[in-house]
PDB file of N, CA and C in Angstrom:
ATOM      1  N   MET A   1     -14.255  -9.750  -6.369  1.00  0.00           N
ATOM      2  CA  MET A   1     -12.921 -10.188  -6.383  1.00  0.00           C
ATOM      3  C   MET A   1     -12.253 -10.356  -7.809  1.00  0.00           C
ATOM      4  N   SER A   2     -11.090  -9.902  -7.981  1.00  0.00           N
ATOM      5  CA  SER A   2     -10.471  -9.901  -9.251  1.00  0.00           C
ATOM      6  C   SER A   2      -8.946 -10.208  -9.191  1.00  0.00           C
ATOM      7  N   TYR A   3      -8.258 -10.261 -10.279  1.00  0.00           N
ATOM      8  CA  TYR A   3      -7.194 -10.638 -10.063  1.00  0.00           C
ATOM      9  C   TYR A   3      -5.977  -9.763 -11.055  1.00  0.00           C
ATOM     10  N   CYS A   4      -5.003  -9.487 -10.211  1.00  0.00           N
ATOM     11  CA  CYS A   4      -3.909  -8.601 -10.774  1.00  0.00           C
ATOM     12  C   CYS A   4      -3.812  -9.018 -12.410  1.00  0.00           C
ATOM     13  N   ARG A   5      -3.786  -8.042 -13.307  1.00  0.00           N
ATOM     14  CA  ARG A   5      -3.550  -8.433 -14.791  1.00  0.00           C
ATOM     15  C   ARG A   5      -2.042  -8.632 -14.997  1.00  0.00           C
ATOM     16  N   PHE A   6      -1.021  -8.184 -13.912  1.00  0.00           N
ATOM     17  CA  PHE A   6       0.432  -8.357 -14.263  1.00  0.00           C
ATOM     18  C   PHE A   6       0.946  -9.626 -13.569  1.00  0.00           C
ATOM     19  N   CYS A   7       0.655  -9.966 -12.373  1.00  0.00           N
ATOM     20  CA  CYS A   7       1.200 -11.094 -11.591  1.00  0.00           C
ATOM     21  C   CYS A   7       0.012 -11.994 -11.198  1.00  0.00           C
ATOM     22  N   GLY A   8      -1.079 -11.857 -11.460  1.00  0.00           N
ATOM     23  CA  GLY A   8      -1.943 -12.959 -11.352  1.00  0.00           C
ATOM     24  C   GLY A   8      -2.583 -13.031  -9.756  1.00  0.00           C
ATOM     25  N   THR A   9      -2.156 -12.298  -8.919  1.00  0.00           N
ATOM     26  CA  THR A   9      -2.377 -12.264  -7.337  1.00  0.00           C
ATOM     27  C   THR A   9      -3.978 -12.004  -7.394  1.00  0.00           C
ATOM     28  N   GLU A  10      -4.652 -12.570  -6.585  1.00  0.00           N
ATOM     29  CA  GLU A  10      -5.975 -12.243  -6.127  1.00  0.00           C
ATOM     30  C   GLU A  10      -6.210 -11.062  -5.380  1.00  0.00           C
ATOM     31  N   ILE A  11      -7.097 -10.153  -5.989  1.00  0.00           N
ATOM     32  CA  ILE A  11      -7.026  -8.707  -5.314  1.00  0.00           C
ATOM     33  C   ILE A  11      -8.361  -8.182  -4.930  1.00  0.00           C
ATOM     34  N   ASN A  12      -8.754  -7.262  -4.009  1.00  0.00           N
ATOM     35  CA  ASN A  12      -9.887  -6.624  -3.926  1.00  0.00           C
ATOM     36  C   ASN A  12      -9.765  -5.171  -4.023  1.00  0.00           C
ATOM     37  N   TYR A  13     -10.721  -4.424  -3.729  1.00  0.00           N
ATOM     38  CA  TYR A  13     -10.658  -2.755  -4.042  1.00  0.00           C
ATOM     39  C   TYR A  13     -11.457  -2.522  -2.951  1.00  0.00           C
ATOM     40  N   THR A  14     -10.868  -1.328  -2.358  1.00  0.00           N
ATOM     41  CA  THR A  14     -11.601  -0.597  -1.337  1.00  0.00           C
ATOM     42  C   THR A  14     -11.547   0.961  -1.513  1.00  0.00           C
ATOM     43  N   ARG A  15     -12.398   1.773  -1.345  1.00  0.00           N
ATOM     44  CA  ARG A  15     -12.283   2.931  -1.368  1.00  0.00           C
ATOM     45  C   ARG A  15     -11.739   3.874  -0.596  1.00  0.00           C
ATOM     46  N   THR A  16     -10.774   4.730  -0.683  1.00  0.00           N
ATOM     47  CA  THR A  16      -9.881   5.495   0.302  1.00  0.00           C
ATOM     48  C   THR A  16     -10.781   6.845   0.773  1.00  0.00           C
ATOM     49  N   ALA A  17     -10.168   7.531   1.455  1.00  0.00           N
ATOM     50  CA  ALA A  17     -10.757   8.634   2.112  1.00  0.00           C
ATOM     51  C   ALA A  17     -10.562   9.771   1.005  1.00  0.00           C
ATOM     52  N   ASN A  18      -9.926   9.922  -0.034  1.00  0.00           N
ATOM     53  CA  ASN A  18      -9.815  10.722  -1.054  1.00  0.00           C
ATOM     54  C   ASN A  18     -10.627  10.173  -2.080  1.00  0.00           C
ATOM     55  N   GLU A  19     -11.514   9.368  -1.949  1.00  0.00           N
ATOM     56  CA  GLU A  19     -12.325   8.901  -3.099  1.00  0.00           C
ATOM     57  C   GLU A  19     -11.719   8.043  -4.279  1.00  0.00           C
ATOM     58  N   LYS A  20     -10.662   7.329  -3.940  1.00  0.00           N
ATOM     59  CA  LYS A  20      -9.691   6.774  -5.193  1.00  0.00           C
ATOM     60  C   LYS A  20      -9.824   5.202  -4.543  1.00  0.00           C
ATOM     61  N   TRP A  21      -9.866   4.429  -5.601  1.00  0.00           N
ATOM     62  CA  TRP A  21      -9.941   2.693  -5.328  1.00  0.00           C
ATOM     63  C   TRP A  21      -8.567   2.432  -5.159  1.00  0.00           C
ATOM     64  N   MET A  22      -8.217   1.678  -4.175  1.00  0.00           N
ATOM     65  CA  MET A  22      -7.141   1.008  -3.798  1.00  0.00           C
ATOM     66  C   MET A  22      -7.212  -0.323  -3.809  1.00  0.00           C
ATOM     67  N   PRO A  23      -6.353  -1.215  -4.583  1.00  0.00           N
ATOM     68  CA  PRO A  23      -6.004  -2.591  -4.662  1.00  0.00           C
ATOM     69  C   PRO A  23      -5.602  -3.175  -3.450  1.00  0.00           C
ATOM     70  N   TYR A  24      -6.149  -4.071  -2.891  1.00  0.00           N
ATOM     71  CA  TYR A  24      -5.530  -4.913  -1.466  1.00  0.00           C
ATOM     72  C   TYR A  24      -5.653  -6.448  -1.871  1.00  0.00           C
ATOM     73  N   ASP A  25      -4.719  -7.258  -1.324  1.00  0.00           N
ATOM     74  CA  ASP A  25      -4.370  -8.494  -1.652  1.00  0.00           C
ATOM     75  C   ASP A  25      -5.150  -9.289  -0.748  1.00  0.00           C
ATOM     76  N   VAL A  26      -5.125 -10.655  -0.654  1.00  0.00           N
ATOM     77  CA  VAL A  26      -5.943 -11.248   0.445  1.00  0.00           C
ATOM     78  C   VAL A  26      -5.572 -11.147   1.773  1.00  0.00           C
ATOM     79  N   THR A  27      -4.138 -10.787   1.966  1.00  0.00           N
ATOM     80  CA  THR A  27      -3.823 -10.530   3.325  1.00  0.00           C
ATOM     81  C   THR A  27      -4.308  -9.252   3.936  1.00  0.00           C
ATOM     82  N   GLY A  28      -4.970  -8.383   3.194  1.00  0.00           N
ATOM     83  CA  GLY A  28      -5.340  -7.115   3.459  1.00  0.00           C
ATOM     84  C   GLY A  28      -4.304  -6.016   3.285  1.00  0.00           C
ATOM     85  N   GLN A  29      -3.050  -6.210   2.624  1.00  0.00           N
ATOM     86  CA  GLN A  29      -2.135  -5.529   2.755  1.00  0.00           C
ATOM     87  C   GLN A  29      -2.389  -4.651   1.155  1.00  0.00           C
ATOM     88  N   PRO A  30      -2.090  -3.436   0.864  1.00  0.00           N
ATOM     89  CA  PRO A  30      -2.073  -2.888  -0.383  1.00  0.00           C
ATOM     90  C   PRO A  30      -1.072  -3.673  -1.378  1.00  0.00           C
ATOM     91  N   HIS A  31      -1.708  -3.777  -2.587  1.00  0.00           N
ATOM     92  CA  HIS A  31      -1.229  -4.534  -3.782  1.00  0.00           C
ATOM     93  C   HIS A  31      -0.724  -3.427  -4.764  1.00  0.00           C
ATOM     94  N   PHE A  32       0.605  -3.131  -4.630  1.00  0.00           N
ATOM     95  CA  PHE A  32       1.584  -2.476  -5.597  1.00  0.00           C
ATOM     96  C   PHE A  32       2.308  -3.261  -6.360  1.00  0.00           C
ATOM     97  N   CYS A  33       1.685  -3.691  -7.663  1.00  0.00           N
ATOM     98  CA  CYS A  33       2.600  -4.476  -8.621  1.00  0.00           C
ATOM     99  C   CYS A  33       3.415  -3.862  -9.546  1.00  0.00           C
ATOM    100  N   ASN A  34       4.377  -3.897  -9.747  1.00  0.00           N
ATOM    101  CA  ASN A  34       5.618  -3.427 -10.423  1.00  0.00           C
ATOM    102  C   ASN A  34       5.967  -4.336 -11.409  1.00  0.00           C
ATOM    103  N   LYS A  35       5.270  -5.520 -12.041  1.00  0.00           N
ATOM    104  CA  LYS A  35       5.824  -6.505 -12.806  1.00  0.00           C
ATOM    105  C   LYS A  35       5.188  -6.190 -14.155  1.00  0.00           C
ATOM    106  N   GLY A  36       4.447  -5.173 -14.657  1.00  0.00           N
ATOM    107  CA  GLY A  36       3.939  -4.780 -15.685  1.00  0.00           C
ATOM    108  C   GLY A  36       5.255  -4.374 -16.608  1.00  0.00           C
ATOM    109  N   LYS A  37       4.830  -4.603 -17.941  1.00  0.00           N
ATOM    110  CA  LYS A  37       5.951  -3.924 -19.005  1.00  0.00           C
ATOM    111  C   LYS A  37       6.168  -2.563 -18.749  1.00  0.00           C
ATOM    112  N   ASP A  38       5.132  -1.522 -18.694  1.00  0.00           N
ATOM    113  CA  ASP A  38       5.201  -0.188 -18.659  1.00  0.00           C
ATOM    114  C   ASP A  38       5.690   0.498 -17.483  1.00  0.00           C
ATOM    115  N   LYS A  39       5.617  -0.231 -16.422  1.00  0.00           N
ATOM    116  CA  LYS A  39       5.982   0.036 -15.042  1.00  0.00           C
ATOM    117  C   LYS A  39       6.066   1.583 -14.758  1.00  0.00           C
ATOM    118  N   LYS A  40       4.742   2.195 -14.630  1.00  0.00           N
ATOM    119  CA  LYS A  40       4.371   3.718 -14.461  1.00  0.00           C
ATOM    120  C   LYS A  40       4.824   3.875 -12.974  1.00  0.00           C
ATOM    121  N   ASN A  41       5.484   4.862 -12.813  1.00  0.00           N
ATOM    122  CA  ASN A  41       5.806   5.319 -11.387  1.00  0.00           C
ATOM    123  C   ASN A  41       4.748   6.241 -10.990  1.00  0.00           C
ATOM    124  N   ASN A  42       3.884   5.902 -10.141  1.00  0.00           N
ATOM    125  CA  ASN A  42       2.622   6.749  -9.729  1.00  0.00           C
ATOM    126  C   ASN A  42       3.112   7.487  -8.406  1.00  0.00           C
ATOM    127  N   GLY A  43       4.338   7.369  -7.772  1.00  0.00           N
ATOM    128  CA  GLY A  43       4.712   8.117  -6.717  1.00  0.00           C
ATOM    129  C   GLY A  43       4.296   7.162  -5.198  1.00  0.00           C
ATOM    130  N   LEU A  44       3.630   6.391  -5.367  1.00  0.00           N
ATOM    131  CA  LEU A  44       2.979   5.473  -4.085  1.00  0.00           C
ATOM    132  C   LEU A  44       4.190   4.582  -3.667  1.00  0.00           C
ATOM    133  N   THR A  45       4.496   4.694  -2.513  1.00  0.00           N
ATOM    134  CA  THR A  45       5.224   3.578  -1.919  1.00  0.00           C
ATOM    135  C   THR A  45       4.950   3.269  -0.619  1.00  0.00           C
ATOM    136  N   VAL A  46       5.368   2.087  -0.090  1.00  0.00           N
ATOM    137  CA  VAL A  46       5.199   1.515   1.309  1.00  0.00           C
ATOM    138  C   VAL A  46       5.953   1.912   2.113  1.00  0.00           C
ATOM    139  N   CYS A  47       5.661   2.571   3.321  1.00  0.00           N
ATOM    140  CA  CYS A  47       6.266   2.867   4.335  1.00  0.00           C
ATOM    141  C   CYS A  47       7.061   1.627   4.958  1.00  0.00           C
ATOM    142  N   LYS A  48       8.440   1.825   5.331  1.00  0.00           N
ATOM    143  CA  LYS A  48       9.022   0.652   5.406  1.00  0.00           C
ATOM    144  C   LYS A  48       9.060   0.288   7.048  1.00  0.00           C
ATOM    145  N   LYS A  49       8.525   1.088   7.812  1.00  0.00           N
ATOM    146  CA  LYS A  49       8.201   0.914   9.172  1.00  0.00           C
ATOM    147  C   LYS A  49       6.902   0.204   9.487  1.00  0.00           C
ATOM    148  N   CYS A  50       5.789   0.816   8.763  1.00  0.00           N
ATOM    149  CA  CYS A  50       4.607   0.438   9.165  1.00  0.00           C
ATOM    150  C   CYS A  50       3.703  -0.249   7.896  1.00  0.00           C
ATOM    151  N   GLY A  51       4.233  -0.317   6.709  1.00  0.00           N
ATOM    152  CA  GLY A  51       3.519  -0.737   5.520  1.00  0.00           C
ATOM    153  C   GLY A  51       2.397  -0.112   5.089  1.00  0.00           C
ATOM    154  N   LYS A  52       2.030   1.037   5.390  1.00  0.00           N
ATOM    155  CA  LYS A  52       1.058   1.822   4.797  1.00  0.00           C
ATOM    156  C   LYS A  52       1.343   2.537   3.596  1.00  0.00           C
ATOM    157  N   PRO A  53       0.337   2.731   2.476  1.00  0.00           N
ATOM    158  CA  PRO A  53       0.734   3.443   1.281  1.00  0.00           C
ATOM    159  C   PRO A  53       1.067   4.785   1.481  1.00  0.00           C
ATOM    160  N   VAL A  54       2.148   5.400   0.974  1.00  0.00           N
ATOM    161  CA  VAL A  54       2.541   6.904   1.425  1.00  0.00           C
ATOM    162  C   VAL A  54       2.914   7.542   0.137  1.00  0.00           C
ATOM    163  N   PHE A  55       2.951   8.683  -0.411  1.00  0.00           N
ATOM    164  CA  PHE A  55       3.655   9.353  -1.133  1.00  0.00           C
ATOM    165  C   PHE A  55       4.360  10.606  -0.571  1.00  0.00           C
ATOM    166  N   THR A  56       5.326  11.134  -1.392  1.00  0.00           N
ATOM    167  CA  THR A  56       6.037  12.185  -0.881  1.00  0.00           C
ATOM    168  C   THR A  56       5.691  13.739  -1.781  1.00  0.00           C
ATOM    169  N   MET A  57       5.414  14.711  -0.925  1.00  0.00           N
ATOM    170  CA  MET A  57       5.034  15.981  -1.392  1.00  0.00           C
ATOM    171  C   MET A  57       5.767  16.974  -0.614  1.00  0.00           C
ATOM    172  N   ASN A  58       6.342  17.654  -1.043  1.00  0.00           N
ATOM    173  CA  ASN A  58       7.477  18.999  -0.419  1.00  0.00           C
ATOM    174  C   ASN A  58       8.102  18.232   0.698  1.00  0.00           C
ATOM    175  N   LYS A  59       8.748  17.286   0.410  1.00  0.00           N
ATOM    176  CA  LYS A  59       9.603  16.693   1.469  1.00  0.00           C
ATOM    177  C   LYS A  59       8.904  15.985   2.705  1.00  0.00           C
ATOM    178  N   LYS A  60       7.668  15.833   2.508  1.00  0.00           N
ATOM    179  CA  LYS A  60       7.081  15.274   3.651  1.00  0.00           C
ATOM    180  C   LYS A  60       6.195  13.894   3.058  1.00  0.00           C
ATOM    181  N   LYS A  61       6.170  12.973   4.071  1.00  0.00           N
ATOM    182  CA  LYS A  61       5.552  11.814   3.579  1.00  0.00           C
ATOM    183  C   LYS A  61       3.978  11.925   3.827  1.00  0.00           C
ATOM    184  N   ILE A  62       3.150  11.689   2.917  1.00  0.00           N
ATOM    185  CA  ILE A  62       1.622  11.965   3.015  1.00  0.00           C
ATOM    186  C   ILE A  62       1.043  10.570   2.940  1.00  0.00           C
ATOM    187  N   ASP A  63       0.396  10.372   3.980  1.00  0.00           N
ATOM    188  CA  ASP A  63      -0.676   9.177   3.970  1.00  0.00           C
ATOM    189  C   ASP A  63      -1.954   9.091   2.786  1.00  0.00           C
ATOM    190  N   TYR A  64      -1.588   7.971   2.231  1.00  0.00           N
ATOM    191  CA  TYR A  64      -2.370   7.888   0.821  1.00  0.00           C
ATOM    192  C   TYR A  64      -4.149   7.875   1.102  1.00  0.00           C
ATOM    193  N   THR A  65      -4.412   7.320   2.277  1.00  0.00           N
ATOM    194  CA  THR A  65      -5.470   6.696   2.435  1.00  0.00           C
ATOM    195  C   THR A  65      -6.411   8.046   3.212  1.00  0.00           C
ATOM    196  N   SER A  66      -5.691   8.463   3.875  1.00  0.00           N
ATOM    197  CA  SER A  66      -6.153   9.815   4.520  1.00  0.00           C
ATOM    198  C   SER A  66      -5.901  11.224   4.140  1.00  0.00           C
ATOM    199  N   LEU A  67      -4.912  11.094   3.233  1.00  0.00           N
ATOM    200  CA  LEU A  67      -4.379  12.675   2.709  1.00  0.00           C
ATOM    201  C   LEU A  67      -3.816  13.582   3.822  1.00  0.00           C
ATOM    202  N   LYS A  68      -3.344  13.127   4.957  1.00  0.00           N
ATOM    203  CA  LYS A  68      -2.731  13.750   5.992  1.00  0.00           C
ATOM    204  C   LYS A  68      -1.145  13.465   6.025  1.00  0.00           C
ATOM    205  N   GLU A  69      -0.466  14.182   6.810  1.00  0.00           N
ATOM    206  CA  GLU A  69       0.741  13.851   7.053  1.00  0.00           C
ATOM    207  C   GLU A  69       1.065  12.505   7.569  1.00  0.00           C
ATOM    208  N   HIS A  70       1.743  11.733   7.163  1.00  0.00           N
ATOM    209  CA  HIS A  70       2.147  10.290   7.666  1.00  0.00           C
ATOM    210  C   HIS A  70       2.691  10.294   8.899  1.00  0.00           C
ATOM    211  N   GLU A  71       2.072   9.513   9.854  1.00  0.00           N
ATOM    212  CA  GLU A  71       2.937   9.043  11.253  1.00  0.00           C
ATOM    213  C   GLU A  71       2.683   7.844  11.540  1.00  0.00           C
ATOM    214  N   CYS A  72       3.830   7.056  11.867  1.00  0.00           N
ATOM    215  CA  CYS A  72       3.476   5.689  11.992  1.00  0.00           C
ATOM    216  C   CYS A  72       3.107   5.522  13.590  1.00  0.00           C
ATOM    217  N   SER A  73       1.863   4.622  13.553  1.00  0.00           N
ATOM    218  CA  SER A  73       1.462   4.296  14.891  1.00  0.00           C
ATOM    219  C   SER A  73       2.398   2.792  15.577  1.00  0.00           C
ATOM    220  N   LYS A  74       2.252   2.943  16.618  1.00  0.00           N
ATOM    221  CA  LYS A  74       3.121   1.759  17.133  1.00  0.00           C
ATOM    222  C   LYS A  74       2.261   0.464  16.917  1.00  0.00           C
ATOM    223  N   ALA A  75       0.965   0.601  16.785  1.00  0.00           N
ATOM    224  CA  ALA A  75       0.182  -0.810  16.429  1.00  0.00           C
ATOM    225  C   ALA A  75       0.473  -1.104  14.981  1.00  0.00           C
ATOM    226  N   ALA A  76       0.444   0.029  14.197  1.00  0.00           N
ATOM    227  CA  ALA A  76       0.725  -0.333  12.816  1.00  0.00           C
ATOM    228  C   ALA A  76       2.223  -1.006  12.574  1.00  0.00           C
ATOM    229  N   ILE A  77       3.187  -0.497  13.259  1.00  0.00           N
ATOM    230  CA  ILE A  77       4.612  -1.193  13.202  1.00  0.00           C
ATOM    231  C   ILE A  77       4.418  -2.423  13.415  1.00  0.00           C
ATOM    232  N   THR A  78       3.943  -2.594  14.670  1.00  0.00           N
ATOM    233  CA  THR A  78       3.944  -4.138  15.290  1.00  0.00           C
ATOM    234  C   THR A  78       3.363  -4.989  14.294  1.00  0.00           C
ATOM    235  N   ARG A  79       2.058  -4.681  13.520  1.00  0.00           N
ATOM    236  CA  ARG A  79       1.199  -5.361  12.720  1.00  0.00           C
ATOM    237  C   ARG A  79       2.073  -5.763  11.492  1.00  0.00           C
ATOM    238  N   TYR A  80       2.657  -4.662  11.104  1.00  0.00           N
ATOM    239  CA  TYR A  80       3.595  -4.863   9.982  1.00  0.00           C
ATOM    240  C   TYR A  80       4.641  -5.932   9.999  1.00  0.00           C
ATOM    241  N   GLN A  81       5.522  -5.741  11.209  1.00  0.00           N
ATOM    242  CA  GLN A  81       6.509  -6.543  11.635  1.00  0.00           C
ATOM    243  C   GLN A  81       6.026  -8.117  11.626  1.00  0.00           C
ATOM    244  N   LYS A  82       4.836  -8.215  12.205  1.00  0.00           N
ATOM    245  CA  LYS A  82       4.209  -9.580  12.461  1.00  0.00           C
ATOM    246  C   LYS A  82       4.192 -10.079  10.936  1.00  0.00           C
ATOM    247  N   TYR A  83       3.244  -9.347  10.154  1.00  0.00           N
ATOM    248  CA  TYR A  83       3.206  -9.784   8.693  1.00  0.00           C
ATOM    249  C   TYR A  83       4.303 -10.042   8.000  1.00  0.00           C
ATOM    250  N   LEU A  84       5.373  -9.179   8.080  1.00  0.00           N
ATOM    251  CA  LEU A  84       6.800  -9.455   7.434  1.00  0.00           C
ATOM    252  C   LEU A  84       7.293 -10.851   7.966  1.00  0.00           C
ATOM    253  N   LYS A  85       7.173 -11.142   9.103  1.00  0.00           N
ATOM    254  CA  LYS A  85       7.741 -12.392   9.784  1.00  0.00           C
ATOM    255  C   LYS A  85       7.081 -13.687   9.189  1.00  0.00           C
ATOM    256  N   ARG A  86       5.631 -13.594   9.123  1.00  0.00           N
ATOM    257  CA  ARG A  86       4.774 -14.650   8.593  1.00  0.00           C
ATOM    258  C   ARG A  86       5.045 -14.832   7.124  1.00  0.00           C
ATOM    259  N   SER A  87       5.462 -13.709   6.362  1.00  0.00           N
ATOM    260  CA  SER A  87       5.711 -13.810   5.067  1.00  0.00           C
ATOM    261  C   SER A  87       6.792 -14.741   4.727  1.00  0.00           C
ATOM    262  N   LYS A  88       7.623 -14.457   5.394  1.00  0.00           N
ATOM    263  CA  LYS A  88       9.227 -15.269   5.238  1.00  0.00           C
ATOM    264  C   LYS A  88       8.978 -16.699   5.278  1.00  0.00           C
TER     265      LYS A  88
END
């Protein structure tokens, strides 16, 4: 367990399908902190429907964890909506 060096949030790391390390916060959601001074834009964003990390390539959304074209599943959308309601 470690802490984000910019915002101080407690985070864990997991390995994705493309052998990269991705930070997750204690709720299990990906942690994308942009509070640092350098604010490097790495192209990763969170899908507004399901909350999964995605990036854009050739005008298509690609899922960061599987490197396949991103498709929102109904279960992921429902889970993300519940998470947003709880976080309010």
